[in-house]
Amino acid sequence: METFIQKSYAAYSTEDSIRLRSSSGGFFSLCSEYVLQKGGVIYGVTMSKDCYTAEYIRVDSANDLKKLCGSKYLQANLGRTFQSVKKDLENDLVVLFSGTGCYVNGLETFLSKKYDNLICIDVVCHGVPSPKLWREYAKFQESKHGKLEQINFRAKEEGWKKFGMKENHLYIPREKDPFMNMFLDDFCLRPSCYKCRAKKYRLSDISIADFWGIEKVTPEMNDGMGTSLIIVRTEKGQKLFDSIKEKLNWKEVDYNEAIRENPAEYRSAIRPLQRDTFFSDLQSRSFNFMIRKYAPDTKKIRLRNLWRKAKRIVKKIVRGGVTPKTNSNYGIFFIFQS
């Protein structure tokens, strides 16, 4: 019977190259390398060849690990992944499975028994956006820039907190990207994301996230290149962390302090009043229309962020503490065929 614990760490890889290709601190890459060195396999998400969808793949070679690097803000197609995981487990392979909390819980339910050779890592999840919205957005960008060839949802070209999108060799910051604005404004999430059961009932061994607010919790770990928040939930997860910690700069932190500015750890997104209208428009309107209606321009974003900041300050004064804030500095990095 797995023993549940809860320890929290700020951590990042000692190798800059690993951090640069990762969304935050490179912790997942190090875990994956360790499991492969032990003869195990990794299940994670990559983009399809046309970049229109995200899909699960099985990785048993270090050469293919780069396919799993970085966050993909899409619902991933599972195919027969759960069946493949079960087969590997029954063949006594160590399996590292990564995904959102609901996918981890779904795998554990499918297996219906505990396996000592299964390690599950979930990503603290804001919510999963509509696959149709992404396809329409990708086609919209292709109409301007040519065939989409590669994508990085978390480019670090201007530092960790200033993520953006890049088309060919053009960096586009998050605040100018309509897809990310619609996503972070919660218009396009799955219905279940507004009442996420996985936030209350987690079956993962480790949860990973961006360490938002790190400058307030452990500023010496904040160098602008990305730091992971690691929440170890089981003894199995702690054993994995201990196995790779020599390759990390890390510090144990208080859980409540660590999640103070990452409310997605414990709270579901709030369903916008316009969500139903949003999907009705998505079915019948052009993407230009969607941008005009649901993705405000940069000036409006700045005003909105100032308003949110003012509300947080007022709440802090009234409640006598710090309230969680929304992290809005996300973006995408596109590469199109020349």
C-alpha atoms as a PDB file:
ATOM      1  CA  MET A   1       0.000   0.000   0.000  1.00  0.00           C
ATOM      2  CA  GLU A   2       1.498   3.319  -1.117  1.00  0.00           C
ATOM      3  CA  THR A   3       2.129   5.776   1.700  1.00  0.00           C
ATOM      4  CA  PHE A   4       1.040   9.330   0.931  1.00  0.00           C
ATOM      5  CA  ILE A   5       3.216  12.226   2.024  1.00  0.00           C
ATOM      6  CA  GLN A   6       3.505  15.853   1.001  1.00  0.00           C
ATOM      7  CA  LYS A   7       6.795  17.642   0.504  1.00  0.00           C
ATOM      8  CA  SER A   8       7.372  20.670  -1.695  1.00  0.00           C
ATOM      9  CA  TYR A   9      10.536  21.802  -3.430  1.00  0.00           C
ATOM     10  CA  ALA A  10      11.786  24.577  -5.641  1.00  0.00           C
ATOM     11  CA  ALA A  11      14.128  22.952  -8.134  1.00  0.00           C
ATOM     12  CA  TYR A  12      15.869  23.307 -11.453  1.00  0.00           C
ATOM     13  CA  SER A  13      18.436  21.369 -13.447  1.00  0.00           C
ATOM     14  CA  THR A  14      22.086  22.236 -12.990  1.00  0.00           C
ATOM     15  CA  GLU A  15      22.416  22.027 -16.793  1.00  0.00           C
ATOM     16  CA  ASP A  16      21.274  25.188 -18.568  1.00  0.00           C
ATOM     17  CA  SER A  17      20.661  23.288 -21.813  1.00  0.00           C
ATOM     18  CA  ILE A  18      18.011  21.160 -20.106  1.00  0.00           C
ATOM     19  CA  ARG A  19      16.295  24.202 -18.610  1.00  0.00           C
ATOM     20  CA  LEU A  20      16.224  26.048 -21.923  1.00  0.00           C
ATOM     21  CA  ARG A  21      14.331  23.255 -23.680  1.00  0.00           C
ATOM     22  CA  SER A  22      11.948  22.807 -20.741  1.00  0.00           C
ATOM     23  CA  SER A  23       8.917  24.832 -19.728  1.00  0.00           C
ATOM     24  CA  SER A  24      10.285  25.616 -16.284  1.00  0.00           C
ATOM     25  CA  GLY A  25      13.167  23.937 -14.440  1.00  0.00           C
ATOM     26  CA  GLY A  26      13.752  20.714 -16.392  1.00  0.00           C
ATOM     27  CA  PHE A  27      12.701  18.349 -13.599  1.00  0.00           C
ATOM     28  CA  PHE A  28      10.654  16.075 -15.865  1.00  0.00           C
ATOM     29  CA  SER A  29      13.545  15.677 -18.301  1.00  0.00           C
ATOM     30  CA  LEU A  30      15.840  14.519 -15.502  1.00  0.00           C
ATOM     31  CA  CYS A  31      13.218  12.069 -14.216  1.00  0.00           C
ATOM     32  CA  SER A  32      12.808  10.678 -17.726  1.00  0.00           C
ATOM     33  CA  GLU A  33      16.544  10.279 -18.261  1.00  0.00           C
ATOM     34  CA  TYR A  34      16.840   8.414 -14.960  1.00  0.00           C
ATOM     35  CA  VAL A  35      14.015   5.985 -15.804  1.00  0.00           C
ATOM     36  CA  LEU A  36      15.488   5.287 -19.244  1.00  0.00           C
ATOM     37  CA  GLN A  37      18.883   4.590 -17.683  1.00  0.00           C
ATOM     38  CA  LYS A  38      17.160   1.977 -15.516  1.00  0.00           C
ATOM     39  CA  GLY A  39      15.764   0.286 -18.626  1.00  0.00           C
ATOM     40  CA  GLY A  40      12.302   1.781 -18.262  1.00  0.00           C
ATOM     41  CA  VAL A  41       9.961   3.602 -20.644  1.00  0.00           C
ATOM     42  CA  ILE A  42       8.272   7.002 -20.664  1.00  0.00           C
ATOM     43  CA  TYR A  43       4.750   7.910 -21.726  1.00  0.00           C
ATOM     44  CA  GLY A  44       4.192  11.559 -22.500  1.00  0.00           C
ATOM     45  CA  VAL A  45       2.725  14.010 -24.967  1.00  0.00           C
ATOM     46  CA  THR A  46       4.113  15.318 -28.236  1.00  0.00           C
ATOM     47  CA  MET A  47       2.653  17.309 -31.104  1.00  0.00           C
ATOM     48  CA  SER A  48       1.473  15.554 -34.260  1.00  0.00           C
ATOM     49  CA  LYS A  49       3.478  16.032 -37.445  1.00  0.00           C
ATOM     50  CA  ASP A  50       1.050  18.681 -38.715  1.00  0.00           C
ATOM     51  CA  CYS A  51       0.986  20.365 -35.279  1.00  0.00           C
ATOM     52  CA  TYR A  52      -2.813  20.286 -35.241  1.00  0.00           C
ATOM     53  CA  THR A  53      -3.148  17.841 -32.336  1.00  0.00           C
ATOM     54  CA  ALA A  54      -1.311  16.551 -29.275  1.00  0.00           C
ATOM     55  CA  GLU A  55      -0.862  12.823 -28.810  1.00  0.00           C
ATOM     56  CA  TYR A  56       0.645  10.314 -26.414  1.00  0.00           C
ATOM     57  CA  ILE A  57       3.752   8.402 -27.397  1.00  0.00           C
ATOM     58  CA  ARG A  58       5.930   5.737 -25.791  1.00  0.00           C
ATOM     59  CA  VAL A  59       9.605   6.657 -25.481  1.00  0.00           C
ATOM     60  CA  ASP A  60      12.311   4.078 -24.794  1.00  0.00           C
ATOM     61  CA  SER A  61      15.322   5.992 -26.141  1.00  0.00           C
ATOM     62  CA  ALA A  62      17.060   9.137 -24.910  1.00  0.00           C
ATOM     63  CA  ASN A  63      17.148  10.344 -28.518  1.00  0.00           C
ATOM     64  CA  ASP A  64      13.357  10.721 -28.488  1.00  0.00           C
ATOM     65  CA  LEU A  65      13.046  12.495 -25.135  1.00  0.00           C
ATOM     66  CA  LYS A  66      13.107  15.919 -26.799  1.00  0.00           C
ATOM     67  CA  LYS A  67       9.688  15.114 -28.289  1.00  0.00           C
ATOM     68  CA  LEU A  68       8.227  15.249 -24.781  1.00  0.00           C
ATOM     69  CA  CYS A  69       9.898  18.469 -23.656  1.00  0.00           C
ATOM     70  CA  GLY A  70       7.741  21.489 -22.947  1.00  0.00           C
ATOM     71  CA  SER A  71       4.083  21.972 -22.102  1.00  0.00           C
ATOM     72  CA  LYS A  72       1.386  21.337 -24.685  1.00  0.00           C
ATOM     73  CA  TYR A  73      -1.752  23.327 -23.981  1.00  0.00           C
ATOM     74  CA  LEU A  74      -4.038  20.859 -25.710  1.00  0.00           C
ATOM     75  CA  GLN A  75      -6.079  17.790 -24.916  1.00  0.00           C
ATOM     76  CA  ALA A  76      -3.884  14.836 -25.866  1.00  0.00           C
ATOM     77  CA  ASN A  77      -5.185  11.865 -27.842  1.00  0.00           C
ATOM     78  CA  LEU A  78      -4.621   8.710 -25.794  1.00  0.00           C
ATOM     79  CA  GLY A  79      -5.241   6.057 -28.443  1.00  0.00           C
ATOM     80  CA  ARG A  80      -4.356   2.735 -26.804  1.00  0.00           C
ATOM     81  CA  THR A  81      -1.865   4.265 -24.369  1.00  0.00           C
ATOM     82  CA  PHE A  82      -3.435   2.777 -21.244  1.00  0.00           C
ATOM     83  CA  GLN A  83      -3.361  -0.716 -22.746  1.00  0.00           C
ATOM     84  CA  SER A  84       0.289  -0.239 -23.732  1.00  0.00           C
ATOM     85  CA  VAL A  85       1.187   0.957 -20.222  1.00  0.00           C
ATOM     86  CA  LYS A  86      -0.442  -2.113 -18.704  1.00  0.00           C
ATOM     87  CA  LYS A  87       1.461  -4.432 -21.030  1.00  0.00           C
ATOM     88  CA  ASP A  88       4.781  -2.805 -20.104  1.00  0.00           C
ATOM     89  CA  LEU A  89       3.986  -3.016 -16.401  1.00  0.00           C
ATOM     90  CA  GLU A  90       3.117  -6.685 -16.655  1.00  0.00           C
ATOM     91  CA  ASN A  91       6.411  -7.237 -18.484  1.00  0.00           C
ATOM     92  CA  ASP A  92       8.150  -5.784 -15.398  1.00  0.00           C
ATOM     93  CA  LEU A  93       9.329  -2.574 -17.070  1.00  0.00           C
ATOM     94  CA  VAL A  94       9.537   0.585 -15.002  1.00  0.00           C
ATOM     95  CA  VAL A  95       6.995   2.991 -16.488  1.00  0.00           C
ATOM     96  CA  LEU A  96       6.943   6.752 -16.026  1.00  0.00           C
ATOM     97  CA  PHE A  97       3.568   8.162 -17.075  1.00  0.00           C
ATOM     98  CA  SER A  98       3.047  11.914 -17.307  1.00  0.00           C
ATOM     99  CA  GLY A  99      -0.068  13.962 -17.953  1.00  0.00           C
ATOM    100  CA  THR A 100      -2.754  16.085 -16.382  1.00  0.00           C
ATOM    101  CA  GLY A 101      -4.262  14.929 -13.113  1.00  0.00           C
ATOM    102  CA  CYS A 102      -7.375  13.558 -14.784  1.00  0.00           C
ATOM    103  CA  TYR A 103      -5.287  11.408 -17.146  1.00  0.00           C
ATOM    104  CA  VAL A 104      -3.249  10.029 -14.243  1.00  0.00           C
ATOM    105  CA  ASN A 105      -6.428   9.251 -12.311  1.00  0.00           C
ATOM    106  CA  GLY A 106      -7.910   7.669 -15.429  1.00  0.00           C
ATOM    107  CA  LEU A 107      -4.882   5.417 -15.871  1.00  0.00           C
ATOM    108  CA  GLU A 108      -4.956   4.307 -12.232  1.00  0.00           C
ATOM    109  CA  THR A 109      -8.664   3.513 -12.543  1.00  0.00           C
ATOM    110  CA  PHE A 110      -8.090   1.580 -15.777  1.00  0.00           C
ATOM    111  CA  LEU A 111      -5.323  -0.514 -14.209  1.00  0.00           C
ATOM    112  CA  SER A 112      -7.539  -1.271 -11.164  1.00  0.00           C
ATOM    113  CA  LYS A 113      -4.494  -2.367  -9.126  1.00  0.00           C
ATOM    114  CA  LYS A 114      -1.280  -0.850  -7.843  1.00  0.00           C
ATOM    115  CA  TYR A 115       2.009  -1.518  -9.613  1.00  0.00           C
ATOM    116  CA  ASP A 116       5.300  -0.940  -7.821  1.00  0.00           C
ATOM    117  CA  ASN A 117       6.974  -0.288 -11.199  1.00  0.00           C
ATOM    118  CA  LEU A 118       4.602   2.555 -12.195  1.00  0.00           C
ATOM    119  CA  ILE A 119       5.511   6.172 -11.464  1.00  0.00           C
ATOM    120  CA  CYS A 120       2.969   8.886 -12.269  1.00  0.00           C
ATOM    121  CA  ILE A 121       3.766  12.574 -12.623  1.00  0.00           C
ATOM    122  CA  ASP A 122       0.959  15.034 -13.171  1.00  0.00           C
ATOM    123  CA  VAL A 123       1.179  18.631 -14.310  1.00  0.00           C
ATOM    124  CA  VAL A 124      -0.666  21.203 -12.205  1.00  0.00           C
ATOM    125  CA  CYS A 125      -3.279  22.131 -14.754  1.00  0.00           C
ATOM    126  CA  HIS A 126      -5.090  25.396 -15.488  1.00  0.00           C
ATOM    127  CA  GLY A 127      -7.516  23.500 -17.705  1.00  0.00           C
ATOM    128  CA  VAL A 128      -7.577  21.900 -21.141  1.00  0.00           C
ATOM    129  CA  PRO A 129      -8.570  24.068 -24.125  1.00  0.00           C
ATOM    130  CA  SER A 130     -10.740  23.038 -27.050  1.00  0.00           C
ATOM    131  CA  PRO A 131      -8.911  21.035 -29.769  1.00  0.00           C
ATOM    132  CA  LYS A 132     -11.129  22.715 -32.360  1.00  0.00           C
ATOM    133  CA  LEU A 133     -10.062  26.163 -31.197  1.00  0.00           C
ATOM    134  CA  TRP A 134      -6.407  25.203 -31.589  1.00  0.00           C
ATOM    135  CA  ARG A 135      -6.946  23.762 -35.091  1.00  0.00           C
ATOM    136  CA  GLU A 136      -8.770  26.891 -36.207  1.00  0.00           C
ATOM    137  CA  TYR A 137      -6.044  29.049 -34.738  1.00  0.00           C
ATOM    138  CA  ALA A 138      -3.266  27.017 -36.374  1.00  0.00           C
ATOM    139  CA  LYS A 139      -5.017  27.299 -39.751  1.00  0.00           C
ATOM    140  CA  PHE A 140      -5.457  31.034 -39.198  1.00  0.00           C
ATOM    141  CA  GLN A 141      -1.721  31.450 -38.605  1.00  0.00           C
ATOM    142  CA  GLU A 142      -0.858  29.223 -41.558  1.00  0.00           C
ATOM    143  CA  SER A 143      -2.966  31.422 -43.820  1.00  0.00           C
ATOM    144  CA  LYS A 144      -0.560  34.258 -42.993  1.00  0.00           C
ATOM    145  CA  HIS A 145       2.784  32.503 -42.558  1.00  0.00           C
ATOM    146  CA  GLY A 146       2.770  29.203 -44.430  1.00  0.00           C
ATOM    147  CA  LYS A 147       2.744  25.591 -43.270  1.00  0.00           C
ATOM    148  CA  LEU A 148       3.245  25.089 -39.560  1.00  0.00           C
ATOM    149  CA  GLU A 149       6.325  22.973 -38.924  1.00  0.00           C
ATOM    150  CA  GLN A 150       7.144  23.197 -35.221  1.00  0.00           C
ATOM    151  CA  ILE A 151       5.698  24.743 -32.083  1.00  0.00           C
ATOM    152  CA  ASN A 152       6.852  25.570 -28.576  1.00  0.00           C
ATOM    153  CA  PHE A 153       4.101  26.716 -26.239  1.00  0.00           C
ATOM    154  CA  ARG A 154       6.605  28.038 -23.718  1.00  0.00           C
ATOM    155  CA  ALA A 155       9.408  29.886 -25.490  1.00  0.00           C
ATOM    156  CA  LYS A 156      11.989  31.527 -23.203  1.00  0.00           C
ATOM    157  CA  GLU A 157      13.523  33.939 -25.649  1.00  0.00           C
ATOM    158  CA  GLU A 158      12.902  36.915 -23.392  1.00  0.00           C
ATOM    159  CA  GLY A 159      13.215  35.089 -20.091  1.00  0.00           C
ATOM    160  CA  TRP A 160      11.099  32.605 -18.147  1.00  0.00           C
ATOM    161  CA  LYS A 161       8.236  34.945 -17.254  1.00  0.00           C
ATOM    162  CA  LYS A 162       7.958  36.530 -20.699  1.00  0.00           C
ATOM    163  CA  PHE A 163       6.818  33.549 -22.705  1.00  0.00           C
ATOM    164  CA  GLY A 164       5.744  34.141 -26.246  1.00  0.00           C
ATOM    165  CA  MET A 165       5.002  32.766 -29.659  1.00  0.00           C
ATOM    166  CA  LYS A 166       7.504  32.686 -32.492  1.00  0.00           C
ATOM    167  CA  GLU A 167       6.595  32.441 -36.153  1.00  0.00           C
ATOM    168  CA  ASN A 168       9.576  31.535 -38.379  1.00  0.00           C
ATOM    169  CA  HIS A 169      11.932  33.697 -36.305  1.00  0.00           C
ATOM    170  CA  LEU A 170       9.444  36.211 -34.945  1.00  0.00           C
ATOM    171  CA  TYR A 171       8.788  36.236 -31.190  1.00  0.00           C
ATOM    172  CA  ILE A 172       5.196  37.089 -30.241  1.00  0.00           C
ATOM    173  CA  PRO A 173       4.590  37.669 -26.494  1.00  0.00           C
ATOM    174  CA  ARG A 174       1.622  36.132 -24.765  1.00  0.00           C
ATOM    175  CA  GLU A 175      -0.305  39.380 -24.377  1.00  0.00           C
ATOM    176  CA  LYS A 176      -0.547  39.662 -28.168  1.00  0.00           C
ATOM    177  CA  ASP A 177      -1.555  36.057 -28.799  1.00  0.00           C
ATOM    178  CA  PRO A 178      -5.316  35.445 -29.217  1.00  0.00           C
ATOM    179  CA  PHE A 179      -5.241  31.708 -28.520  1.00  0.00           C
ATOM    180  CA  MET A 180      -3.475  32.156 -25.191  1.00  0.00           C
ATOM    181  CA  ASN A 181      -5.791  34.994 -24.211  1.00  0.00           C
ATOM    182  CA  MET A 182      -8.876  32.867 -24.903  1.00  0.00           C
ATOM    183  CA  PHE A 183      -7.295  29.968 -23.020  1.00  0.00           C
ATOM    184  CA  LEU A 184      -6.265  31.941 -19.946  1.00  0.00           C
ATOM    185  CA  ASP A 185      -9.602  33.759 -19.860  1.00  0.00           C
ATOM    186  CA  ASP A 186     -11.170  30.277 -19.532  1.00  0.00           C
ATOM    187  CA  PHE A 187     -13.544  30.578 -22.502  1.00  0.00           C
ATOM    188  CA  CYS A 188     -12.423  27.372 -24.205  1.00  0.00           C
ATOM    189  CA  LEU A 189     -11.965  24.770 -21.453  1.00  0.00           C
ATOM    190  CA  ARG A 190     -13.661  21.387 -21.258  1.00  0.00           C
ATOM    191  CA  PRO A 191     -16.819  21.368 -19.087  1.00  0.00           C
ATOM    192  CA  SER A 192     -15.108  19.066 -16.570  1.00  0.00           C
ATOM    193  CA  CYS A 193     -12.283  21.579 -16.076  1.00  0.00           C
ATOM    194  CA  TYR A 194     -14.640  23.965 -14.270  1.00  0.00           C
ATOM    195  CA  LYS A 195     -15.286  21.265 -11.656  1.00  0.00           C
ATOM    196  CA  CYS A 196     -12.046  19.325 -11.720  1.00  0.00           C
ATOM    197  CA  ARG A 197     -12.199  16.231  -9.519  1.00  0.00           C
ATOM    198  CA  ALA A 198      -8.482  15.584  -9.890  1.00  0.00           C
ATOM    199  CA  LYS A 199      -7.680  18.660  -7.805  1.00  0.00           C
ATOM    200  CA  LYS A 200      -9.398  17.078  -4.816  1.00  0.00           C
ATOM    201  CA  TYR A 201      -8.369  13.478  -5.413  1.00  0.00           C
ATOM    202  CA  ARG A 202      -4.867  13.080  -6.820  1.00  0.00           C
ATOM    203  CA  LEU A 203      -3.329   9.694  -7.528  1.00  0.00           C
ATOM    204  CA  SER A 204       0.024  10.898  -8.848  1.00  0.00           C
ATOM    205  CA  ASP A 205       3.337  10.318  -7.113  1.00  0.00           C
ATOM    206  CA  ILE A 206       4.639  13.784  -7.987  1.00  0.00           C
ATOM    207  CA  SER A 207       3.005  16.970  -9.234  1.00  0.00           C
ATOM    208  CA  ILE A 208       5.024  19.563 -11.142  1.00  0.00           C
ATOM    209  CA  ALA A 209       4.290  23.198 -11.941  1.00  0.00           C
ATOM    210  CA  ASP A 210       5.880  26.545 -12.656  1.00  0.00           C
ATOM    211  CA  PHE A 211       6.951  28.099  -9.372  1.00  0.00           C
ATOM    212  CA  TRP A 212       4.953  31.314  -9.608  1.00  0.00           C
ATOM    213  CA  GLY A 213       5.820  33.732  -6.827  1.00  0.00           C
ATOM    214  CA  ILE A 214       9.228  32.193  -6.255  1.00  0.00           C
ATOM    215  CA  GLU A 215      10.753  35.652  -5.793  1.00  0.00           C
ATOM    216  CA  LYS A 216       8.738  35.910  -2.569  1.00  0.00           C
ATOM    217  CA  VAL A 217       9.321  32.378  -1.272  1.00  0.00           C
ATOM    218  CA  THR A 218      12.940  31.645  -2.109  1.00  0.00           C
ATOM    219  CA  PRO A 219      14.356  34.499  -4.204  1.00  0.00           C
ATOM    220  CA  GLU A 220      17.828  32.939  -4.370  1.00  0.00           C
ATOM    221  CA  MET A 221      16.295  30.219  -6.616  1.00  0.00           C
ATOM    222  CA  ASN A 222      14.952  32.791  -9.061  1.00  0.00           C
ATOM    223  CA  ASP A 223      17.417  33.536 -11.858  1.00  0.00           C
ATOM    224  CA  GLY A 224      14.899  34.137 -14.638  1.00  0.00           C
ATOM    225  CA  MET A 225      15.523  30.859 -16.495  1.00  0.00           C
ATOM    226  CA  GLY A 226      12.663  28.890 -14.967  1.00  0.00           C
ATOM    227  CA  THR A 227      12.166  27.040 -11.694  1.00  0.00           C
ATOM    228  CA  SER A 228       9.945  24.035 -11.119  1.00  0.00           C
ATOM    229  CA  LEU A 229       7.597  23.585  -8.194  1.00  0.00           C
ATOM    230  CA  ILE A 230       7.801  19.930  -7.181  1.00  0.00           C
ATOM    231  CA  ILE A 231       5.103  18.500  -4.916  1.00  0.00           C
ATOM    232  CA  VAL A 232       6.040  15.001  -3.798  1.00  0.00           C
ATOM    233  CA  ARG A 233       2.929  13.059  -2.793  1.00  0.00           C
ATOM    234  CA  THR A 234       4.107   9.487  -2.171  1.00  0.00           C
ATOM    235  CA  GLU A 235       7.156   7.605  -0.923  1.00  0.00           C
ATOM    236  CA  LYS A 236       7.661   6.339  -4.482  1.00  0.00           C
ATOM    237  CA  GLY A 237       7.755   9.936  -5.675  1.00  0.00           C
ATOM    238  CA  GLN A 238      10.225  10.866  -2.940  1.00  0.00           C
ATOM    239  CA  LYS A 239      12.487   8.003  -3.964  1.00  0.00           C
ATOM    240  CA  LEU A 240      12.525   9.292  -7.545  1.00  0.00           C
ATOM    241  CA  PHE A 241      13.266  12.847  -6.396  1.00  0.00           C
ATOM    242  CA  ASP A 242      16.107  11.624  -4.171  1.00  0.00           C
ATOM    243  CA  SER A 243      17.541   9.629  -7.075  1.00  0.00           C
ATOM    244  CA  ILE A 244      18.042  12.712  -9.267  1.00  0.00           C
ATOM    245  CA  LYS A 245      18.495  15.522  -6.751  1.00  0.00           C
ATOM    246  CA  GLU A 246      22.260  15.563  -7.284  1.00  0.00           C
ATOM    247  CA  LYS A 247      21.503  16.944 -10.757  1.00  0.00           C
ATOM    248  CA  LEU A 248      19.271  19.658  -9.326  1.00  0.00           C
ATOM    249  CA  ASN A 249      19.613  22.919  -7.520  1.00  0.00           C
ATOM    250  CA  TRP A 250      16.821  22.488  -5.018  1.00  0.00           C
ATOM    251  CA  LYS A 251      15.370  23.719  -1.766  1.00  0.00           C
ATOM    252  CA  GLU A 252      12.522  22.353   0.325  1.00  0.00           C
ATOM    253  CA  VAL A 253       9.765  24.932   0.823  1.00  0.00           C
ATOM    254  CA  ASP A 254       6.538  25.226   2.765  1.00  0.00           C
ATOM    255  CA  TYR A 255       3.619  23.832   0.753  1.00  0.00           C
ATOM    256  CA  ASN A 256       1.214  26.664   1.532  1.00  0.00           C
ATOM    257  CA  GLU A 257       3.805  29.250   0.577  1.00  0.00           C
ATOM    258  CA  ALA A 258       4.677  27.330  -2.577  1.00  0.00           C
ATOM    259  CA  ILE A 259       1.122  27.266  -3.934  1.00  0.00           C
ATOM    260  CA  ARG A 260       0.116  30.744  -2.814  1.00  0.00           C
ATOM    261  CA  GLU A 261       0.400  32.099  -6.354  1.00  0.00           C
ATOM    262  CA  ASN A 262      -0.458  28.862  -8.110  1.00  0.00           C
ATOM    263  CA  PRO A 263      -4.177  28.396  -7.338  1.00  0.00           C
ATOM    264  CA  ALA A 264      -4.515  25.808 -10.127  1.00  0.00           C
ATOM    265  CA  GLU A 265      -3.079  23.323  -7.603  1.00  0.00           C
ATOM    266  CA  TYR A 266      -6.308  23.383  -5.608  1.00  0.00           C
ATOM    267  CA  ARG A 267      -8.933  25.409  -7.470  1.00  0.00           C
ATOM    268  CA  SER A 268     -10.789  24.850 -10.736  1.00  0.00           C
ATOM    269  CA  ALA A 269     -11.177  27.563 -13.338  1.00  0.00           C
ATOM    270  CA  ILE A 270     -14.342  29.644 -13.092  1.00  0.00           C
ATOM    271  CA  ARG A 271     -16.747  29.068 -15.974  1.00  0.00           C
ATOM    272  CA  PRO A 272     -17.260  32.372 -17.858  1.00  0.00           C
ATOM    273  CA  LEU A 273     -20.792  33.511 -18.559  1.00  0.00           C
ATOM    274  CA  GLN A 274     -19.887  33.718 -22.243  1.00  0.00           C
ATOM    275  CA  ARG A 275     -18.602  30.152 -22.584  1.00  0.00           C
ATOM    276  CA  ASP A 276     -21.648  28.748 -24.411  1.00  0.00           C
ATOM    277  CA  THR A 277     -21.732  31.747 -26.709  1.00  0.00           C
ATOM    278  CA  PHE A 278     -18.015  31.310 -27.328  1.00  0.00           C
ATOM    279  CA  PHE A 279     -18.450  27.777 -28.670  1.00  0.00           C
ATOM    280  CA  SER A 280     -21.479  28.759 -30.701  1.00  0.00           C
ATOM    281  CA  ASP A 281     -19.415  31.487 -32.341  1.00  0.00           C
ATOM    282  CA  LEU A 282     -16.496  29.089 -32.839  1.00  0.00           C
ATOM    283  CA  GLN A 283     -18.759  26.816 -34.889  1.00  0.00           C
ATOM    284  CA  SER A 284     -20.163  29.524 -37.126  1.00  0.00           C
ATOM    285  CA  ARG A 285     -17.863  32.550 -37.156  1.00  0.00           C
ATOM    286  CA  SER A 286     -14.461  33.368 -38.640  1.00  0.00           C
ATOM    287  CA  PHE A 287     -11.354  33.377 -36.492  1.00  0.00           C
ATOM    288  CA  ASN A 288     -10.995  37.104 -37.061  1.00  0.00           C
ATOM    289  CA  PHE A 289     -14.406  37.491 -35.448  1.00  0.00           C
ATOM    290  CA  MET A 290     -13.291  35.339 -32.489  1.00  0.00           C
ATOM    291  CA  ILE A 291     -10.234  37.537 -32.033  1.00  0.00           C
ATOM    292  CA  ARG A 292     -12.250  40.759 -32.082  1.00  0.00           C
ATOM    293  CA  LYS A 293     -14.815  39.446 -29.604  1.00  0.00           C
ATOM    294  CA  TYR A 294     -12.817  37.265 -27.229  1.00  0.00           C
ATOM    295  CA  ALA A 295      -9.157  38.342 -27.444  1.00  0.00           C
ATOM    296  CA  PRO A 296      -8.793  41.991 -26.397  1.00  0.00           C
ATOM    297  CA  ASP A 297      -5.967  44.103 -27.740  1.00  0.00           C
ATOM    298  CA  THR A 298      -2.797  44.850 -25.809  1.00  0.00           C
ATOM    299  CA  LYS A 299      -4.073  48.104 -24.335  1.00  0.00           C
ATOM    300  CA  LYS A 300      -7.176  46.421 -22.954  1.00  0.00           C
ATOM    301  CA  ILE A 301      -5.054  43.632 -21.511  1.00  0.00           C
ATOM    302  CA  ARG A 302      -2.858  46.123 -19.675  1.00  0.00           C
ATOM    303  CA  LEU A 303      -5.909  47.881 -18.252  1.00  0.00           C
ATOM    304  CA  ARG A 304      -7.447  44.562 -17.241  1.00  0.00           C
ATOM    305  CA  ASN A 305      -4.234  43.432 -15.535  1.00  0.00           C
ATOM    306  CA  LEU A 306      -3.990  46.736 -13.666  1.00  0.00           C
ATOM    307  CA  TRP A 307      -7.585  46.274 -12.502  1.00  0.00           C
ATOM    308  CA  ARG A 308      -6.851  42.725 -11.325  1.00  0.00           C
ATOM    309  CA  LYS A 309      -3.733  43.904  -9.506  1.00  0.00           C
ATOM    310  CA  ALA A 310      -5.730  46.638  -7.772  1.00  0.00           C
ATOM    311  CA  LYS A 311      -8.325  44.087  -6.655  1.00  0.00           C
ATOM    312  CA  ARG A 312      -5.590  41.816  -5.266  1.00  0.00           C
ATOM    313  CA  ILE A 313      -4.112  44.688  -3.276  1.00  0.00           C
ATOM    314  CA  VAL A 314      -7.534  45.573  -1.844  1.00  0.00           C
ATOM    315  CA  LYS A 315      -8.168  41.922  -0.925  1.00  0.00           C
ATOM    316  CA  LYS A 316      -4.740  41.714   0.705  1.00  0.00           C
ATOM    317  CA  ILE A 317      -5.505  44.751   2.858  1.00  0.00           C
ATOM    318  CA  VAL A 318      -8.982  43.519   3.785  1.00  0.00           C
ATOM    319  CA  ARG A 319      -7.958  39.932   4.524  1.00  0.00           C
ATOM    320  CA  GLY A 320      -4.553  40.694   5.938  1.00  0.00           C
ATOM    321  CA  GLY A 321      -2.742  38.287   3.642  1.00  0.00           C
ATOM    322  CA  VAL A 322      -1.636  37.576   0.088  1.00  0.00           C
ATOM    323  CA  THR A 323      -4.239  36.287  -2.353  1.00  0.00           C
ATOM    324  CA  PRO A 324      -3.434  34.066  -5.330  1.00  0.00           C
ATOM    325  CA  LYS A 325      -3.080  35.848  -8.638  1.00  0.00           C
ATOM    326  CA  THR A 326      -3.511  34.737 -12.189  1.00  0.00           C
ATOM    327  CA  ASN A 327      -0.253  34.167 -14.046  1.00  0.00           C
ATOM    328  CA  SER A 328      -0.714  35.719 -17.461  1.00  0.00           C
ATOM    329  CA  ASN A 329       2.764  35.655 -19.006  1.00  0.00           C
ATOM    330  CA  TYR A 330       2.257  32.628 -21.237  1.00  0.00           C
ATOM    331  CA  GLY A 331       2.760  32.412 -24.966  1.00  0.00           C
ATOM    332  CA  ILE A 332       3.613  30.265 -27.954  1.00  0.00           C
ATOM    333  CA  PHE A 333       6.604  29.832 -30.263  1.00  0.00           C
ATOM    334  CA  PHE A 334       5.727  28.896 -33.855  1.00  0.00           C
ATOM    335  CA  ILE A 335       8.114  27.820 -36.586  1.00  0.00           C
ATOM    336  CA  PHE A 336       6.760  27.709 -40.128  1.00  0.00           C
ATOM    337  CA  GLN A 337       8.358  26.363 -43.257  1.00  0.00           C
ATOM    338  CA  SER A 338      10.563  28.951 -44.918  1.00  0.00           C
END
